[in-house]
Amino acid sequence: MFTKTIITSILDSIQKFSDRNAFCIDNIFYTYKQFAENISKIRIAVKNIPFF
């Protein structure tokens, strides 16, 4: 349910509207492209966390 309703919608928006604003935080606008780039950075950082 979460994947279908949330993740799929976000991925569609990233693909279709990469240059459009996705968020405004403290009067700074961020595009879907910037959002996707930061998601990717987070994925890489989490993937590289050593687990003991």
PDB file of N, CA and C in Angstrom:
ATOM      1  N   MET A   1       0.820  -1.194   0.000  1.00  0.00           N
ATOM      2  CA  MET A   1       0.000   0.000   0.000  1.00  0.00           C
ATOM      3  C   MET A   1       0.869   1.265   0.000  1.00  0.00           C
ATOM      4  N   PHE A   2       1.823   1.335   0.938  1.00  0.00           N
ATOM      5  CA  PHE A   2       2.711   2.501   1.014  1.00  0.00           C
ATOM      6  C   PHE A   2       3.484   2.675  -0.285  1.00  0.00           C
ATOM      7  N   THR A   3       4.032   1.570  -0.800  1.00  0.00           N
ATOM      8  CA  THR A   3       4.808   1.639  -2.041  1.00  0.00           C
ATOM      9  C   THR A   3       3.945   2.127  -3.190  1.00  0.00           C
ATOM     10  N   LYS A   4       2.752   1.591  -3.296  1.00  0.00           N
ATOM     11  CA  LYS A   4       1.881   1.961  -4.410  1.00  0.00           C
ATOM     12  C   LYS A   4       1.405   3.411  -4.301  1.00  0.00           C
ATOM     13  N   THR A   5       1.025   3.833  -3.136  1.00  0.00           N
ATOM     14  CA  THR A   5       0.447   5.169  -2.997  1.00  0.00           C
ATOM     15  C   THR A   5       1.480   6.280  -2.849  1.00  0.00           C
ATOM     16  N   ILE A   6       2.535   6.022  -2.130  1.00  0.00           N
ATOM     17  CA  ILE A   6       3.515   7.084  -1.850  1.00  0.00           C
ATOM     18  C   ILE A   6       4.737   6.992  -2.772  1.00  0.00           C
ATOM     19  N   ILE A   7       5.431   5.882  -2.712  1.00  0.00           N
ATOM     20  CA  ILE A   7       6.685   5.746  -3.459  1.00  0.00           C
ATOM     21  C   ILE A   7       6.457   5.892  -4.956  1.00  0.00           C
ATOM     22  N   THR A   8       5.456   5.217  -5.478  1.00  0.00           N
ATOM     23  CA  THR A   8       5.181   5.296  -6.915  1.00  0.00           C
ATOM     24  C   THR A   8       4.838   6.726  -7.321  1.00  0.00           C
ATOM     25  N   SER A   9       4.064   7.416  -6.524  1.00  0.00           N
ATOM     26  CA  SER A   9       3.706   8.809  -6.833  1.00  0.00           C
ATOM     27  C   SER A   9       4.935   9.716  -6.828  1.00  0.00           C
ATOM     28  N   ILE A  10       5.816   9.523  -5.866  1.00  0.00           N
ATOM     29  CA  ILE A  10       7.032  10.331  -5.795  1.00  0.00           C
ATOM     30  C   ILE A  10       7.923  10.049  -7.001  1.00  0.00           C
ATOM     31  N   LEU A  11       8.109   8.773  -7.328  1.00  0.00           N
ATOM     32  CA  LEU A  11       8.940   8.422  -8.486  1.00  0.00           C
ATOM     33  C   LEU A  11       8.367   8.991  -9.778  1.00  0.00           C
ATOM     34  N   ASP A  12       7.056   8.935  -9.936  1.00  0.00           N
ATOM     35  CA  ASP A  12       6.421   9.516 -11.120  1.00  0.00           C
ATOM     36  C   ASP A  12       6.669  11.021 -11.194  1.00  0.00           C
ATOM     37  N   SER A  13       6.537  11.691 -10.068  1.00  0.00           N
ATOM     38  CA  SER A  13       6.755  13.136 -10.042  1.00  0.00           C
ATOM     39  C   SER A  13       8.206  13.491 -10.343  1.00  0.00           C
ATOM     40  N   ILE A  14       9.133  12.714  -9.822  1.00  0.00           N
ATOM     41  CA  ILE A  14      10.553  12.958 -10.097  1.00  0.00           C
ATOM     42  C   ILE A  14      10.825  12.828 -11.586  1.00  0.00           C
ATOM     43  N   GLN A  15      10.254  11.807 -12.214  1.00  0.00           N
ATOM     44  CA  GLN A  15      10.474  11.586 -13.641  1.00  0.00           C
ATOM     45  C   GLN A  15       9.785  12.641 -14.503  1.00  0.00           C
ATOM     46  N   LYS A  16       8.572  12.995 -14.173  1.00  0.00           N
ATOM     47  CA  LYS A  16       7.782  13.906 -15.018  1.00  0.00           C
ATOM     48  C   LYS A  16       8.086  15.381 -14.767  1.00  0.00           C
ATOM     49  N   PHE A  17       8.402  15.713 -13.532  1.00  0.00           N
ATOM     50  CA  PHE A  17       8.489  17.130 -13.149  1.00  0.00           C
ATOM     51  C   PHE A  17       9.819  17.480 -12.490  1.00  0.00           C
ATOM     52  N   SER A  18      10.915  16.948 -12.982  1.00  0.00           N
ATOM     53  CA  SER A  18      12.210  17.100 -12.308  1.00  0.00           C
ATOM     54  C   SER A  18      12.614  18.551 -12.058  1.00  0.00           C
ATOM     55  N   ASP A  19      12.187  19.463 -12.909  1.00  0.00           N
ATOM     56  CA  ASP A  19      12.568  20.871 -12.745  1.00  0.00           C
ATOM     57  C   ASP A  19      11.557  21.688 -11.948  1.00  0.00           C
ATOM     58  N   ARG A  20      10.480  21.061 -11.545  1.00  0.00           N
ATOM     59  CA  ARG A  20       9.468  21.775 -10.751  1.00  0.00           C
ATOM     60  C   ARG A  20       9.794  21.682  -9.270  1.00  0.00           C
ATOM     61  N   ASN A  21       9.259  22.641  -8.526  1.00  0.00           N
ATOM     62  CA  ASN A  21       9.491  22.665  -7.086  1.00  0.00           C
ATOM     63  C   ASN A  21       8.748  21.529  -6.400  1.00  0.00           C
ATOM     64  N   ALA A  22       9.459  20.857  -5.513  1.00  0.00           N
ATOM     65  CA  ALA A  22       8.871  19.780  -4.730  1.00  0.00           C
ATOM     66  C   ALA A  22       8.610  20.242  -3.297  1.00  0.00           C
ATOM     67  N   PHE A  23       9.522  21.056  -2.771  1.00  0.00           N
ATOM     68  CA  PHE A  23       9.431  21.519  -1.394  1.00  0.00           C
ATOM     69  C   PHE A  23       9.864  22.965  -1.280  1.00  0.00           C
ATOM     70  N   CYS A  24       9.367  23.601  -0.229  1.00  0.00           N
ATOM     71  CA  CYS A  24       9.853  24.927   0.161  1.00  0.00           C
ATOM     72  C   CYS A  24      10.120  24.858   1.657  1.00  0.00           C
ATOM     73  N   ILE A  25      11.394  25.021   2.020  1.00  0.00           N
ATOM     74  CA  ILE A  25      11.793  24.971   3.416  1.00  0.00           C
ATOM     75  C   ILE A  25      12.534  26.259   3.731  1.00  0.00           C
ATOM     76  N   ASP A  26      12.053  26.993   4.703  1.00  0.00           N
ATOM     77  CA  ASP A  26      12.628  28.300   5.076  1.00  0.00           C
ATOM     78  C   ASP A  26      12.758  29.221   3.860  1.00  0.00           C
ATOM     79  N   ASN A  27      11.720  29.261   3.055  1.00  0.00           N
ATOM     80  CA  ASN A  27      11.643  30.099   1.851  1.00  0.00           C
ATOM     81  C   ASN A  27      12.683  29.737   0.790  1.00  0.00           C
ATOM     82  N   ILE A  28      13.198  28.530   0.827  1.00  0.00           N
ATOM     83  CA  ILE A  28      14.106  28.021  -0.204  1.00  0.00           C
ATOM     84  C   ILE A  28      13.381  26.891  -0.919  1.00  0.00           C
ATOM     85  N   PHE A  29      13.291  27.001  -2.229  1.00  0.00           N
ATOM     86  CA  PHE A  29      12.604  25.990  -3.018  1.00  0.00           C
ATOM     87  C   PHE A  29      13.588  24.926  -3.499  1.00  0.00           C
ATOM     88  N   TYR A  30      13.130  23.678  -3.471  1.00  0.00           N
ATOM     89  CA  TYR A  30      13.917  22.535  -3.910  1.00  0.00           C
ATOM     90  C   TYR A  30      13.131  21.777  -4.969  1.00  0.00           C
ATOM     91  N   THR A  31      13.793  21.441  -6.066  1.00  0.00           N
ATOM     92  CA  THR A  31      13.125  20.745  -7.160  1.00  0.00           C
ATOM     93  C   THR A  31      13.059  19.241  -6.895  1.00  0.00           C
ATOM     94  N   TYR A  32      12.247  18.579  -7.694  1.00  0.00           N
ATOM     95  CA  TYR A  32      12.188  17.120  -7.607  1.00  0.00           C
ATOM     96  C   TYR A  32      13.546  16.500  -7.941  1.00  0.00           C
ATOM     97  N   LYS A  33      14.294  17.134  -8.835  1.00  0.00           N
ATOM     98  CA  LYS A  33      15.626  16.629  -9.176  1.00  0.00           C
ATOM     99  C   LYS A  33      16.543  16.695  -7.953  1.00  0.00           C
ATOM    100  N   GLN A  34      16.526  17.817  -7.258  1.00  0.00           N
ATOM    101  CA  GLN A  34      17.337  17.951  -6.050  1.00  0.00           C
ATOM    102  C   GLN A  34      16.899  16.945  -4.987  1.00  0.00           C
ATOM    103  N   PHE A  35      15.600  16.739  -4.882  1.00  0.00           N
ATOM    104  CA  PHE A  35      15.053  15.757  -3.959  1.00  0.00           C
ATOM    105  C   PHE A  35      15.592  14.365  -4.278  1.00  0.00           C
ATOM    106  N   ALA A  36      15.555  13.983  -5.550  1.00  0.00           N
ATOM    107  CA  ALA A  36      16.050  12.671  -5.985  1.00  0.00           C
ATOM    108  C   ALA A  36      17.551  12.529  -5.721  1.00  0.00           C
ATOM    109  N   GLU A  37      18.309  13.592  -5.976  1.00  0.00           N
ATOM    110  CA  GLU A  37      19.752  13.538  -5.740  1.00  0.00           C
ATOM    111  C   GLU A  37      20.059  13.312  -4.261  1.00  0.00           C
ATOM    112  N   ASN A  38      19.300  13.960  -3.402  1.00  0.00           N
ATOM    113  CA  ASN A  38      19.526  13.796  -1.962  1.00  0.00           C
ATOM    114  C   ASN A  38      19.071  12.432  -1.464  1.00  0.00           C
ATOM    115  N   ILE A  39      17.997  11.905  -2.029  1.00  0.00           N
ATOM    116  CA  ILE A  39      17.583  10.542  -1.698  1.00  0.00           C
ATOM    117  C   ILE A  39      18.703   9.570  -2.050  1.00  0.00           C
ATOM    118  N   SER A  40      19.303   9.771  -3.202  1.00  0.00           N
ATOM    119  CA  SER A  40      20.396   8.904  -3.636  1.00  0.00           C
ATOM    120  C   SER A  40      21.581   8.987  -2.678  1.00  0.00           C
ATOM    121  N   LYS A  41      21.924  10.184  -2.249  1.00  0.00           N
ATOM    122  CA  LYS A  41      23.032  10.354  -1.304  1.00  0.00           C
ATOM    123  C   LYS A  41      22.741   9.648   0.023  1.00  0.00           C
ATOM    124  N   ILE A  42      21.511   9.740   0.475  1.00  0.00           N
ATOM    125  CA  ILE A  42      21.124   9.084   1.721  1.00  0.00           C
ATOM    126  C   ILE A  42      21.208   7.566   1.565  1.00  0.00           C
ATOM    127  N   ARG A  43      20.723   7.048   0.435  1.00  0.00           N
ATOM    128  CA  ARG A  43      20.792   5.606   0.175  1.00  0.00           C
ATOM    129  C   ARG A  43      22.226   5.105   0.234  1.00  0.00           C
ATOM    130  N   ILE A  44      23.128   5.848  -0.411  1.00  0.00           N
ATOM    131  CA  ILE A  44      24.542   5.452  -0.431  1.00  0.00           C
ATOM    132  C   ILE A  44      25.130   5.488   0.982  1.00  0.00           C
ATOM    133  N   ALA A  45      24.812   6.537   1.733  1.00  0.00           N
ATOM    134  CA  ALA A  45      25.335   6.661   3.094  1.00  0.00           C
ATOM    135  C   ALA A  45      24.823   5.527   3.981  1.00  0.00           C
ATOM    136  N   VAL A  46      23.556   5.210   3.886  1.00  0.00           N
ATOM    137  CA  VAL A  46      22.989   4.131   4.699  1.00  0.00           C
ATOM    138  C   VAL A  46      23.573   2.786   4.289  1.00  0.00           C
ATOM    139  N   LYS A  47      23.745   2.600   2.987  1.00  0.00           N
ATOM    140  CA  LYS A  47      24.300   1.342   2.479  1.00  0.00           C
ATOM    141  C   LYS A  47      25.724   1.129   2.996  1.00  0.00           C
ATOM    142  N   ASN A  48      26.459   2.206   3.188  1.00  0.00           N
ATOM    143  CA  ASN A  48      27.856   2.106   3.604  1.00  0.00           C
ATOM    144  C   ASN A  48      28.061   2.083   5.113  1.00  0.00           C
ATOM    145  N   ILE A  49      26.995   2.077   5.871  1.00  0.00           N
ATOM    146  CA  ILE A  49      27.116   1.992   7.338  1.00  0.00           C
ATOM    147  C   ILE A  49      27.515   0.560   7.697  1.00  0.00           C
ATOM    148  N   PRO A  50      28.626   0.418   8.380  1.00  0.00           N
ATOM    149  CA  PRO A  50      29.031  -0.948   8.760  1.00  0.00           C
ATOM    150  C   PRO A  50      28.143  -1.459   9.899  1.00  0.00           C
ATOM    151  N   PHE A  51      27.674  -2.656   9.733  1.00  0.00           N
ATOM    152  CA  PHE A  51      26.866  -3.285  10.769  1.00  0.00           C
ATOM    153  C   PHE A  51      27.694  -4.371  11.448  1.00  0.00           C
ATOM    154  N   PHE A  52      27.671  -4.387  12.758  1.00  0.00           N
ATOM    155  CA  PHE A  52      28.450  -5.351  13.515  1.00  0.00           C
ATOM    156  C   PHE A  52      27.559  -6.413  14.089  1.00  0.00           C
TER     157      PHE A  52
END
